[in-house]
Protein backbone atom coordinates (compact mmCIF):
# COMPACT_ATOMS: atom_id res chain seq x y z
CA MET A 1 78.39 105.81 30.48
CA LYS A 2 80.40 108.11 32.75
CA THR A 3 78.35 106.97 35.75
CA ILE A 4 79.05 103.33 34.95
CA LEU A 5 82.78 104.08 34.56
CA ARG A 6 82.92 105.91 37.90
CA SER A 7 81.14 103.03 39.62
CA PHE A 8 83.55 100.56 38.09
CA LEU A 9 86.54 102.59 39.25
CA CYS A 10 85.14 102.84 42.80
CA VAL A 11 84.56 99.10 42.96
CA PHE A 12 88.04 98.45 41.59
CA ALA A 13 89.64 100.84 44.11
CA LEU A 14 87.70 99.25 46.99
CA ALA A 15 88.74 95.77 45.88
CA PHE A 16 92.36 96.91 45.62
CA TRP A 17 92.24 98.49 49.09
CA VAL A 18 90.63 95.41 50.66
CA GLY A 19 93.11 93.16 48.92
CA SER A 20 95.99 95.24 50.22
CA LEU A 21 94.89 94.67 53.85
CA GLN A 22 96.32 91.26 54.48
CA ALA A 23 96.10 89.23 57.65
CA GLN A 24 97.63 86.20 59.31
CA ASP A 25 96.50 84.23 62.32
CA ILE A 26 99.04 81.79 63.75
CA SER A 27 98.49 79.47 66.71
CA ARG A 28 100.94 77.03 68.24
CA SER A 29 100.85 74.86 71.35
CA PHE A 30 103.77 73.23 73.19
CA ASP A 31 103.99 70.80 76.07
CA ALA A 32 105.73 72.43 79.01
CA SER A 33 106.23 72.02 82.72
CA ALA A 34 106.67 74.34 85.65
CA GLY A 35 110.08 75.96 85.78
CA GLY A 36 110.49 76.15 82.01
CA ARG A 37 111.47 79.19 79.99
CA LEU A 38 109.90 81.26 77.23
CA VAL A 39 112.13 83.40 75.00
CA LEU A 40 110.61 86.13 72.81
CA ASP A 41 112.79 87.89 70.21
CA LEU A 42 110.41 90.14 68.30
CA GLU A 43 111.90 92.47 65.70
CA THR A 44 108.39 93.35 64.55
CA GLY A 45 107.31 94.73 67.93
CA GLY A 46 103.63 94.72 68.81
CA THR A 47 101.43 94.24 71.84
CA ILE A 48 102.30 91.22 73.99
CA ILE A 49 99.91 89.72 76.53
CA ILE A 50 101.22 86.91 78.74
CA ARG A 51 99.02 85.09 81.24
CA GLY A 52 99.91 82.33 83.67
CA TRP A 53 97.58 79.33 83.94
CA ASP A 54 97.40 75.92 85.63
CA ARG A 55 98.13 73.81 82.53
CA ASN A 56 101.43 72.25 81.49
CA GLN A 57 101.27 73.92 78.12
CA VAL A 58 102.47 77.04 76.36
CA GLU A 59 100.00 78.44 73.85
CA VAL A 60 100.92 81.23 71.45
CA ASP A 61 98.34 83.08 69.35
CA VAL A 62 99.67 85.61 66.85
CA ASP A 63 97.40 88.14 65.14
CA ILE A 64 98.98 89.93 62.16
CA ASP A 65 97.16 92.72 60.33
CA GLY A 66 98.13 95.40 57.86
CA ARG A 67 99.20 96.04 54.31
CA ASP A 68 102.42 94.02 54.67
CA ALA A 69 101.07 91.21 56.85
CA ASP A 70 102.40 88.61 54.41
CA ASP A 71 105.91 90.04 54.89
CA VAL A 72 105.92 89.00 58.56
CA VAL A 73 107.79 85.83 59.45
CA VAL A 74 107.10 84.10 62.78
CA ASP A 75 109.27 81.14 63.75
CA PHE A 76 109.14 78.78 66.71
CA ASN A 77 111.85 76.65 68.26
CA GLU A 78 111.40 74.08 70.99
CA SER A 79 114.29 72.62 72.94
CA SER A 80 114.94 71.06 76.31
CA ARG A 81 115.98 74.47 77.63
CA ALA A 82 113.32 76.82 76.26
CA ILE A 83 110.47 77.56 73.93
CA GLU A 84 111.53 80.35 71.58
CA VAL A 85 109.42 82.65 69.43
CA PHE A 86 110.96 84.89 66.76
CA SER A 87 109.40 87.47 64.47
CA GLU A 88 110.79 89.67 61.71
CA PHE A 89 109.90 91.46 58.48
CA LYS A 90 111.09 90.10 55.14
CA SER A 91 111.87 93.62 53.97
CA ARG A 92 113.00 96.72 55.86
CA ARG A 93 110.10 98.91 54.77
CA ALA A 94 107.38 96.43 55.62
CA ARG A 95 104.78 97.55 58.14
CA ALA A 96 102.20 95.48 59.99
CA ASP A 97 100.60 95.09 63.40
CA VAL A 98 101.89 91.95 65.11
CA ASP A 99 100.13 91.19 68.40
CA MET A 100 100.63 88.12 70.57
CA GLU A 101 98.61 86.51 73.33
CA ILE A 102 100.53 83.83 75.20
CA ARG A 103 99.68 81.46 78.04
CA VAL A 104 102.36 79.76 80.09
CA PRO A 105 102.41 77.60 83.25
CA SER A 106 102.06 79.85 86.29
CA SER A 107 105.64 78.98 87.34
CA PHE A 108 107.75 79.93 84.31
CA ASP A 109 110.72 82.12 83.33
CA LEU A 110 110.34 84.84 80.70
CA ASP A 111 113.03 86.45 78.54
CA ILE A 112 111.58 89.19 76.33
CA SER A 113 113.13 91.43 73.68
CA THR A 114 110.86 93.54 71.48
CA THR A 115 111.37 96.61 69.32
CA GLY A 116 108.18 98.27 70.50
CA GLY A 117 104.71 97.77 71.92
CA ASP A 118 102.96 97.33 75.24
CA LEU A 119 103.80 94.38 77.46
CA ASP A 120 101.09 93.01 79.77
CA ILE A 121 102.07 90.18 82.13
CA SER A 122 100.04 88.68 84.98
CA GLY A 123 99.85 85.51 87.03
CA VAL A 124 103.43 84.34 86.46
CA THR A 125 106.12 83.43 89.00
CA GLY A 126 109.74 83.11 87.89
CA ARG A 127 112.61 85.15 86.55
CA ILE A 128 111.06 87.77 84.27
CA GLU A 129 113.53 89.87 82.31
CA GLY A 130 113.74 91.81 79.09
CA SER A 131 113.27 95.15 77.36
CA SER A 132 111.04 97.03 74.95
CA MET A 133 112.17 99.85 72.68
CA GLY A 134 108.92 101.71 73.22
CA GLY A 135 105.80 100.71 75.11
CA ASP A 136 104.09 100.49 78.48
CA LEU A 137 104.76 97.67 80.96
CA MET A 138 101.66 96.48 82.85
CA LEU A 139 102.58 93.91 85.49
CA SER A 140 100.34 92.30 88.09
CA GLY A 141 100.10 89.17 90.20
CA LEU A 142 103.78 88.32 89.68
CA GLY A 143 106.30 86.46 91.82
CA GLY A 144 110.05 85.89 91.69
CA GLU A 145 112.58 88.30 90.17
CA LEU A 146 112.09 91.19 87.75
CA ASP A 147 114.55 92.98 85.48
CA LEU A 148 112.51 94.89 82.91
CA SER A 149 112.95 98.16 81.04
CA THR A 150 111.29 100.24 78.36
CA MET A 151 112.70 103.09 76.31
CA GLY A 152 109.53 105.12 76.10
CA GLY A 153 106.56 104.13 78.22
CA ASP A 154 105.01 103.91 81.67
CA ILE A 155 105.51 101.04 84.10
CA GLU A 156 102.85 99.81 86.50
CA LEU A 157 103.49 96.98 88.97
CA THR A 158 100.69 95.90 91.30
CA ASP A 159 99.71 93.08 93.66
CA SER A 160 102.97 91.15 93.41
CA GLU A 161 105.70 89.57 95.52
CA VAL A 162 108.93 90.23 93.65
CA ASP A 163 112.48 91.55 93.91
CA GLY A 164 114.45 93.33 91.21
CA SER A 165 114.37 96.49 89.11
CA LEU A 166 112.15 98.40 86.70
CA HIS A 167 113.41 101.21 84.48
CA THR A 168 111.94 103.55 81.86
CA MET A 169 113.64 106.25 79.83
CA GLY A 170 110.56 108.36 79.31
CA GLY A 171 107.55 107.55 81.47
CA ASP A 172 106.12 107.12 84.96
CA VAL A 173 106.79 104.27 87.36
CA SER A 174 104.00 103.17 89.71
CA ILE A 175 104.57 100.40 92.25
CA SER A 176 101.71 99.52 94.58
CA ASN A 177 100.68 96.68 96.89
CA VAL A 178 104.00 94.93 96.42
CA THR A 179 106.03 92.83 98.82
CA GLY A 180 109.69 92.77 97.86
CA ASN A 181 112.73 94.87 97.16
CA ILE A 182 112.06 96.77 93.93
CA ASP A 183 114.05 99.65 92.49
CA GLY A 184 111.97 101.80 90.15
CA THR A 185 113.78 104.45 88.12
CA THR A 186 112.86 106.82 85.30
CA MET A 187 114.70 109.38 83.20
CA GLY A 188 111.65 111.52 82.53
CA GLY A 189 108.60 110.84 84.68
CA ASP A 190 107.13 110.36 88.14
CA VAL A 191 107.89 107.54 90.56
CA THR A 192 105.24 106.38 93.04
CA TYR A 193 105.63 103.78 95.82
CA ASP A 194 102.39 102.83 97.55
CA ASN A 195 102.23 100.03 100.13
CA VAL A 196 105.60 98.51 99.20
CA ARG A 197 107.14 96.30 101.89
CA SER A 198 110.25 94.17 102.16
CA SER A 199 109.81 90.44 101.65
CA ARG A 200 112.65 89.37 103.96
CA SER A 201 111.85 88.82 107.61
CA GLY A 202 113.87 91.19 109.75
CA SER A 203 115.33 92.97 106.70
CA ARG A 204 116.12 96.65 106.86
CA ASP A 205 115.98 97.78 103.26
CA GLU A 206 115.84 101.46 102.49
CA VAL A 207 113.80 103.00 99.69
CA GLU A 208 116.03 104.29 96.89
CA ILE A 209 114.44 106.25 94.05
CA SER A 210 115.95 108.31 91.25
CA SER A 211 114.14 110.33 88.59
CA MET A 212 115.56 112.70 86.01
CA GLY A 213 112.41 114.69 85.53
CA GLY A 214 109.32 114.01 87.61
CA ASP A 215 107.67 113.77 91.01
CA VAL A 216 108.51 111.11 93.57
CA VAL A 217 105.80 109.86 95.94
CA VAL A 218 106.59 107.35 98.69
CA ASP A 219 103.86 106.01 100.92
CA GLU A 220 106.12 104.35 103.50
CA ALA A 221 109.86 104.00 104.11
CA LEU A 222 110.34 102.48 107.55
CA PHE A 223 114.08 101.82 107.13
CA GLY A 224 115.12 105.05 105.47
CA ALA A 225 114.61 106.81 102.16
CA ASN A 226 117.20 108.07 99.68
CA VAL A 227 115.28 110.01 97.03
CA HIS A 228 116.48 112.21 94.19
CA THR A 229 114.74 113.92 91.27
CA MET A 230 116.04 116.45 88.78
CA GLY A 231 112.78 118.24 88.18
CA GLY A 232 109.82 117.50 90.42
CA ASP A 233 108.31 117.35 93.89
CA ILE A 234 109.18 114.80 96.57
CA GLU A 235 106.42 113.59 98.85
CA ILE A 236 106.97 111.03 101.61
CA ASN A 237 104.02 110.06 103.74
CA ARG A 238 105.77 108.12 106.49
CA ALA A 239 109.46 107.43 107.12
CA ALA A 240 111.72 106.22 109.90
CA GLU A 241 115.47 106.24 110.62
CA TYR A 242 116.36 108.84 107.99
CA VAL A 243 115.44 110.73 104.84
CA GLU A 244 117.86 112.06 102.24
CA ALA A 245 115.97 114.04 99.61
CA THR A 246 117.18 116.25 96.76
CA THR A 247 115.30 117.98 93.96
CA MET A 248 116.51 120.54 91.44
CA GLY A 249 113.13 122.16 90.99
CA GLY A 250 110.28 121.24 93.31
CA ASP A 251 108.85 121.01 96.81
CA ILE A 252 109.79 118.48 99.48
CA GLU A 253 107.24 117.28 102.01
CA VAL A 254 107.64 114.61 104.69
CA ALA A 255 104.38 114.09 106.58
CA GLU A 256 105.82 111.87 109.37
CA LEU A 257 109.50 111.27 110.13
CA ASP A 258 110.88 109.34 113.08
CA GLY A 259 114.59 109.93 112.44
CA TRP A 260 116.97 112.46 110.91
CA ILE A 261 116.72 114.33 107.62
CA GLU A 262 118.94 116.07 105.09
CA ALA A 263 116.97 117.72 102.28
CA ASN A 264 117.58 120.42 99.73
CA THR A 265 115.80 121.96 96.77
CA MET A 266 116.91 124.51 94.21
CA GLY A 267 113.51 126.10 93.87
CA GLY A 268 110.70 125.03 96.18
CA ASP A 269 109.28 124.79 99.69
CA ILE A 270 110.20 122.23 102.36
CA ILE A 271 107.77 120.92 104.97
CA VAL A 272 108.90 118.31 107.51
CA ASN A 273 106.96 116.94 110.47
CA MET A 274 109.15 114.99 112.90
CA VAL A 275 107.32 112.53 115.15
CA GLY A 276 108.25 109.96 117.77
CA GLY A 277 110.53 110.29 120.74
CA THR A 278 113.68 112.29 121.32
CA ASP A 279 116.21 109.44 121.50
CA GLY A 280 118.72 108.68 118.79
CA ASP A 281 120.04 110.84 115.99
CA ARG A 282 117.49 113.56 115.12
CA HIS A 283 119.70 116.06 113.31
CA VAL A 284 118.21 118.23 110.56
CA GLU A 285 119.69 119.97 107.51
CA LEU A 286 117.16 121.73 105.29
CA GLU A 287 118.09 124.08 102.48
CA SER A 288 116.13 125.83 99.75
CA MET A 289 117.45 128.24 97.15
CA GLY A 290 114.07 129.89 96.77
CA GLY A 291 111.21 128.87 99.06
CA ASP A 292 109.71 128.66 102.53
CA ILE A 293 110.76 126.04 105.07
CA GLU A 294 108.58 124.66 107.85
CA LEU A 295 109.87 122.19 110.44
CA THR A 296 108.01 120.62 113.36
CA VAL A 297 110.15 118.85 115.97
CA PRO A 298 109.13 116.48 118.80
CA ARG A 299 108.39 118.07 122.14
CA GLY A 300 111.43 118.06 124.44
CA LEU A 301 114.02 117.56 121.68
CA ASP A 302 117.50 118.80 122.63
CA MET A 303 118.65 121.13 119.84
CA ASP A 304 121.39 123.44 118.69
CA ILE A 305 119.54 125.70 116.23
CA GLU A 306 120.89 127.76 113.34
CA ILE A 307 118.52 129.44 110.89
CA GLU A 308 119.66 131.59 107.99
CA ILE A 309 117.65 133.62 105.48
CA ARG A 310 119.67 135.08 102.62
CA LEU A 311 118.22 137.99 100.69
CA SER A 312 118.71 139.18 97.16
CA ASP A 313 119.62 142.80 96.53
CA ASP A 314 116.07 143.77 95.57
CA ASP A 315 114.38 142.42 98.71
CA ASP A 316 113.64 144.27 101.93
CA TRP A 317 114.30 142.83 105.38
CA ASP A 318 110.65 142.94 106.37
CA GLU A 319 109.47 140.81 103.41
CA TYR A 320 110.53 137.56 105.11
CA GLU A 321 110.35 136.37 108.69
CA ILE A 322 111.39 133.66 111.14
CA ILE A 323 108.52 132.27 113.22
CA SER A 324 109.65 130.04 116.10
CA ASP A 325 108.17 128.36 119.16
CA PHE A 326 111.65 128.60 120.71
CA ASP A 327 113.63 131.56 121.94
CA LEU A 328 116.18 132.59 119.32
CA ASP A 329 118.79 135.32 119.03
CA VAL A 330 118.28 137.09 115.71
CA GLU A 331 120.92 139.19 113.99
CA VAL A 332 120.55 141.10 110.75
CA ASP A 333 123.57 141.70 108.54
CA SER A 334 123.58 145.06 106.78
CA ASP A 335 125.39 146.03 103.60
CA SER A 336 128.11 147.76 105.64
CA ASP A 337 128.79 144.78 107.86
CA ARG A 338 130.82 142.10 106.03
CA ARG A 339 131.50 139.76 108.94
CA TRP A 340 128.87 137.30 107.76
CA ARG A 341 129.25 134.75 104.96
CA SER A 342 126.81 136.70 102.82
CA SER A 343 126.44 140.45 102.55
CA ARG A 344 122.66 140.33 103.18
CA GLU A 345 121.25 137.76 105.57
CA VAL A 346 119.29 137.14 108.74
CA VAL A 347 120.71 134.60 111.17
CA ALA A 348 118.87 133.19 114.19
CA THR A 349 120.51 130.89 116.74
CA GLY A 350 119.40 129.17 119.89
CA ARG A 351 119.84 126.16 122.16
CA VAL A 352 117.27 123.86 123.72
CA GLY A 353 118.37 121.49 126.48
CA SER A 354 121.77 119.95 125.87
CA GLY A 355 121.82 120.95 122.21
CA ALA A 356 122.57 117.34 121.21
CA ASN A 357 120.83 117.54 117.82
CA ARG A 358 122.02 120.13 115.32
CA ILE A 359 119.16 121.83 113.48
CA VAL A 360 120.28 123.81 110.42
CA ILE A 361 117.80 125.59 108.16
CA ARG A 362 118.83 127.81 105.26
CA THR A 363 116.75 129.48 102.58
CA VAL A 364 116.95 132.30 100.05
CA ASN A 365 114.08 134.79 99.90
CA GLY A 366 111.73 132.69 102.01
CA ASP A 367 110.14 132.37 105.44
CA VAL A 368 111.19 129.88 108.11
CA ILE A 369 108.76 128.36 110.59
CA LEU A 370 110.04 126.22 113.48
CA LYS A 371 107.38 124.57 115.62
CA GLU A 372 107.26 122.21 118.58
CA GLY A 373 104.94 119.22 118.23
CA ARG A 374 102.25 118.44 120.71
């Protein structure tokens, strides 16, 4: 009898559990034409997949699962200006997974607002704007203008021809194989630009990147780079005209620079390789509060050189050194000599040619290497 009762209770519990897992599947189709607009206002959040296609239709498939699936309301509105999709919960405590897969004409505008979930868009050209309260943005094969943000996820933009901006409060930004003028910013992650080129013929757009807490990697910045991060490394593969780089806690490396540079770090090494000719402005200002600095300059560059190594009280003079391919006058300030700006420092100065380009290198407790390129 007890065995029969236990079996009955198990079957009853299973039936109750299965019954509690509700589901809804909603599909709608709308006639549309190129240049139309889709508006999503999703208070339920959820994964959104949007694909462009060659039909004059908008198709929306909604998959709703979970204990409170029946508490999800999805509404549609069609007007001459837009096709609108809304979702919400009937009660505040309701929970369900609400995922959408949408197809739109390949030339279409998108306006998206969602409380959370990943957003995956590909094959669409138009004005694409909106925000998510928490999810990744995966963007590919896009054209037109972008203005998208997420509060807590990564952003990846690939194989597109777009202008605009991408922003995340807590993730990485990766932009690759893109033609256009895109600003990617993050409050707490890395920013990577790989094969990003301006879309305007003859334009001279600089690369501007800001991160509050991650690495910045730039493949190419042929019209200048202005890069700042609060807590990571800066790596620039190739740049021209100029580089301005600042980090509060990382290394700075510029593999090829045909122009001038001003860079500083609060706690890392700096490596800069200057290439190209000797014409134009080639001034250099490099400063680290706690690392080594290595600079390679073009052969024949006219320079006025000033190198300074500041030492803490616990360091000996012979722990750090200046290595130079150029003749420099080196002076060491002792504790008894207060004529220098700091009580303990090594200063090296020199002039090459006319001295037209000022080269200033300063570091604390680090080595300095100054080389002439081949």
